[in-house]
PDB file of N, CA and C in Angstrom:
ATOM      1  N   ALA A   1       0.724  -1.118   0.011  1.00  0.00           N
ATOM      2  CA  ALA A   1      -0.050   0.022   0.047  1.00  0.00           C
ATOM      3  C   ALA A   1       0.952   1.122   0.066  1.00  0.00           C
ATOM      4  N   ILE A   2       1.890   1.182   0.909  1.00  0.00           N
ATOM      5  CA  ILE A   2       2.843   2.537   0.862  1.00  0.00           C
ATOM      6  C   ILE A   2       3.738   2.847  -0.453  1.00  0.00           C
ATOM      7  N   ALA A   3       3.835   1.615  -1.080  1.00  0.00           N
ATOM      8  CA  ALA A   3       4.673   1.563  -2.426  1.00  0.00           C
ATOM      9  C   ALA A   3       3.544   2.253  -3.414  1.00  0.00           C
ATOM     10  N   CYS A   4       2.366   2.151  -3.344  1.00  0.00           N
ATOM     11  CA  CYS A   4       1.441   2.771  -4.267  1.00  0.00           C
ATOM     12  C   CYS A   4       0.983   4.178  -3.912  1.00  0.00           C
ATOM     13  N   GLY A   5       1.659   4.672  -2.631  1.00  0.00           N
ATOM     14  CA  GLY A   5       1.361   6.219  -2.336  1.00  0.00           C
ATOM     15  C   GLY A   5       0.199   6.350  -1.316  1.00  0.00           C
ATOM     16  N   PHE A   6      -0.069   5.352  -0.809  1.00  0.00           N
ATOM     17  CA  PHE A   6      -0.936   5.324   0.396  1.00  0.00           C
ATOM     18  C   PHE A   6      -0.260   5.289   1.908  1.00  0.00           C
ATOM     19  N   PHE A   7      -0.717   5.955   2.529  1.00  0.00           N
ATOM     20  CA  PHE A   7      -0.080   6.426   3.928  1.00  0.00           C
ATOM     21  C   PHE A   7      -0.191   5.076   5.020  1.00  0.00           C
ATOM     22  N   SER A   8      -1.128   4.532   4.858  1.00  0.00           N
ATOM     23  CA  SER A   8      -1.344   3.220   5.572  1.00  0.00           C
ATOM     24  C   SER A   8      -2.034   1.922   4.815  1.00  0.00           C
ATOM     25  N   SER A   9      -1.947   0.953   5.170  1.00  0.00           N
ATOM     26  CA  SER A   9      -2.748  -0.284   4.656  1.00  0.00           C
ATOM     27  C   SER A   9      -4.145   0.143   5.103  1.00  0.00           C
ATOM     28  N   SER A  10      -4.647   0.619   6.153  1.00  0.00           N
ATOM     29  CA  SER A  10      -5.846   0.635   6.334  1.00  0.00           C
ATOM     30  C   SER A  10      -6.619   1.697   5.434  1.00  0.00           C
ATOM     31  N   HIS A  11      -5.849   2.795   5.256  1.00  0.00           N
ATOM     32  CA  HIS A  11      -6.463   3.476   4.229  1.00  0.00           C
ATOM     33  C   HIS A  11      -6.579   2.969   2.940  1.00  0.00           C
ATOM     34  N   PHE A  12      -5.538   2.245   2.236  1.00  0.00           N
ATOM     35  CA  PHE A  12      -5.652   1.639   1.024  1.00  0.00           C
ATOM     36  C   PHE A  12      -6.879   0.733   0.984  1.00  0.00           C
ATOM     37  N   SER A  13      -7.106  -0.171   2.192  1.00  0.00           N
ATOM     38  CA  SER A  13      -8.082  -1.149   1.909  1.00  0.00           C
ATOM     39  C   SER A  13      -9.430   0.023   2.303  1.00  0.00           C
ATOM     40  N   LYS A  14      -9.734   1.051   2.661  1.00  0.00           N
ATOM     41  CA  LYS A  14     -10.980   1.648   2.582  1.00  0.00           C
ATOM     42  C   LYS A  14     -11.280   2.313   1.263  1.00  0.00           C
ATOM     43  N   CYS A  15      -9.875   2.521   0.587  1.00  0.00           N
ATOM     44  CA  CYS A  15     -10.124   3.075  -0.710  1.00  0.00           C
ATOM     45  C   CYS A  15     -10.401   2.154  -1.757  1.00  0.00           C
ATOM     46  N   PHE A  16      -9.779   0.858  -1.599  1.00  0.00           N
ATOM     47  CA  PHE A  16     -10.164  -0.170  -2.130  1.00  0.00           C
ATOM     48  C   PHE A  16     -11.713  -0.722  -2.233  1.00  0.00           C
ATOM     49  N   LYS A  17     -12.017  -0.714  -1.181  1.00  0.00           N
ATOM     50  CA  LYS A  17     -13.507  -0.947  -0.755  1.00  0.00           C
ATOM     51  C   LYS A  17     -14.558  -0.192  -1.498  1.00  0.00           C
ATOM     52  N   ILE A  18     -14.280   1.180  -1.701  1.00  0.00           N
ATOM     53  CA  ILE A  18     -15.015   1.984  -2.019  1.00  0.00           C
ATOM     54  C   ILE A  18     -15.227   1.962  -3.699  1.00  0.00           C
ATOM     55  N   ILE A  19     -13.913   1.430  -4.094  1.00  0.00           N
ATOM     56  CA  ILE A  19     -14.031   1.545  -5.754  1.00  0.00           C
ATOM     57  C   ILE A  19     -14.349   0.267  -6.159  1.00  0.00           C
ATOM     58  N   HIS A  20     -13.911  -0.937  -5.588  1.00  0.00           N
ATOM     59  CA  HIS A  20     -14.222  -2.386  -5.929  1.00  0.00           C
ATOM     60  C   HIS A  20     -15.402  -2.977  -5.181  1.00  0.00           C
ATOM     61  N   GLY A  21     -16.113  -2.118  -4.182  1.00  0.00           N
ATOM     62  CA  GLY A  21     -17.250  -2.804  -3.577  1.00  0.00           C
ATOM     63  C   GLY A  21     -16.876  -4.127  -2.495  1.00  0.00           C
ATOM     64  N   THR A  22     -15.685  -4.302  -2.409  1.00  0.00           N
ATOM     65  CA  THR A  22     -15.262  -5.526  -1.473  1.00  0.00           C
ATOM     66  C   THR A  22     -13.901  -5.317  -1.030  1.00  0.00           C
ATOM     67  N   THR A  23     -13.499  -5.921   0.009  1.00  0.00           N
ATOM     68  CA  THR A  23     -12.230  -5.685   0.648  1.00  0.00           C
ATOM     69  C   THR A  23     -11.146  -6.550   0.073  1.00  0.00           C
ATOM     70  N   PRO A  24      -9.905  -5.816   0.289  1.00  0.00           N
ATOM     71  CA  PRO A  24      -8.855  -6.651  -0.418  1.00  0.00           C
ATOM     72  C   PRO A  24      -8.671  -8.127  -0.204  1.00  0.00           C
ATOM     73  N   GLN A  25      -8.982  -8.516   1.144  1.00  0.00           N
ATOM     74  CA  GLN A  25      -8.956  -9.856   1.845  1.00  0.00           C
ATOM     75  C   GLN A  25      -9.848 -10.699   1.128  1.00  0.00           C
ATOM     76  N   GLN A  26     -11.226 -10.082   0.752  1.00  0.00           N
ATOM     77  CA  GLN A  26     -12.443 -10.838   0.132  1.00  0.00           C
ATOM     78  C   GLN A  26     -12.140 -11.228  -1.240  1.00  0.00           C
ATOM     79  N   CYS A  27     -11.368  -9.997  -1.919  1.00  0.00           N
ATOM     80  CA  CYS A  27     -11.041  -9.867  -3.145  1.00  0.00           C
ATOM     81  C   CYS A  27     -10.010 -11.299  -3.459  1.00  0.00           C
ATOM     82  N   ARG A  28      -8.908 -11.414  -2.604  1.00  0.00           N
ATOM     83  CA  ARG A  28      -7.973 -12.497  -2.579  1.00  0.00           C
ATOM     84  C   ARG A  28      -8.734 -13.739  -2.566  1.00  0.00           C
ATOM     85  N   LEU A  29      -9.437 -13.890  -1.852  1.00  0.00           N
ATOM     86  CA  LEU A  29     -10.383 -15.181  -1.472  1.00  0.00           C
ATOM     87  C   LEU A  29     -11.062 -15.817  -2.776  1.00  0.00           C
ATOM     88  N   THR A  30     -11.494 -14.474  -3.648  1.00  0.00           N
ATOM     89  CA  THR A  30     -12.584 -14.865  -4.584  1.00  0.00           C
ATOM     90  C   THR A  30     -11.762 -15.004  -5.931  1.00  0.00           C
ATOM     91  N   VAL A  31     -10.670 -14.461  -6.109  1.00  0.00           N
ATOM     92  CA  VAL A  31      -9.883 -14.665  -7.463  1.00  0.00           C
ATOM     93  C   VAL A  31      -9.269 -15.736  -7.328  1.00  0.00           C
ATOM     94  N   PRO A  32      -9.199 -16.487  -8.503  1.00  0.00           N
ATOM     95  CA  PRO A  32      -8.631 -17.790  -8.607  1.00  0.00           C
ATOM     96  C   PRO A  32      -6.959 -17.688  -8.541  1.00  0.00           C
ATOM     97  N   ALA A  33      -6.433 -18.729  -8.077  1.00  0.00           N
ATOM     98  CA  ALA A  33      -5.077 -18.200  -7.640  1.00  0.00           C
ATOM     99  C   ALA A  33      -4.187 -18.522  -9.078  1.00  0.00           C
ATOM    100  N   TRP A  34      -4.598 -18.937 -10.250  1.00  0.00           N
ATOM    101  CA  TRP A  34      -3.824 -18.884 -11.478  1.00  0.00           C
ATOM    102  C   TRP A  34      -4.047 -17.469 -12.081  1.00  0.00           C
ATOM    103  N   VAL A  35      -4.635 -16.731 -11.486  1.00  0.00           N
ATOM    104  CA  VAL A  35      -4.621 -15.188 -12.202  1.00  0.00           C
ATOM    105  C   VAL A  35      -3.712 -14.433 -11.696  1.00  0.00           C
ATOM    106  N   GLY A  36      -2.592 -14.080 -12.513  1.00  0.00           N
ATOM    107  CA  GLY A  36      -1.409 -13.477 -12.253  1.00  0.00           C
ATOM    108  C   GLY A  36      -1.532 -11.884 -12.214  1.00  0.00           C
ATOM    109  N   PRO A  37      -0.494 -11.349 -11.912  1.00  0.00           N
ATOM    110  CA  PRO A  37      -0.575  -9.913 -11.848  1.00  0.00           C
ATOM    111  C   PRO A  37      -1.002  -9.251 -13.231  1.00  0.00           C
ATOM    112  N   GLY A  38      -1.952  -8.122 -13.278  1.00  0.00           N
ATOM    113  CA  GLY A  38      -2.075  -7.641 -14.500  1.00  0.00           C
ATOM    114  C   GLY A  38      -3.048  -8.282 -15.239  1.00  0.00           C
ATOM    115  N   LEU A  39      -3.653  -9.526 -14.897  1.00  0.00           N
ATOM    116  CA  LEU A  39      -4.383 -10.214 -15.414  1.00  0.00           C
ATOM    117  C   LEU A  39      -5.921  -9.987 -14.833  1.00  0.00           C
ATOM    118  N   GLY A  40      -5.874  -9.607 -13.839  1.00  0.00           N
ATOM    119  CA  GLY A  40      -7.207  -9.815 -13.089  1.00  0.00           C
ATOM    120  C   GLY A  40      -7.426  -8.427 -12.269  1.00  0.00           C
TER     121      GLY A  40
END
């Protein structure tokens, strides 16, 4: 999160949920493991 310009991981999570409608953790649980970076 910090490497992407966010001040904290909690701030990143809040912004992620606003944009995507789900938390980063829930997204990781639902996206297939074979989907690599930049493909999903």
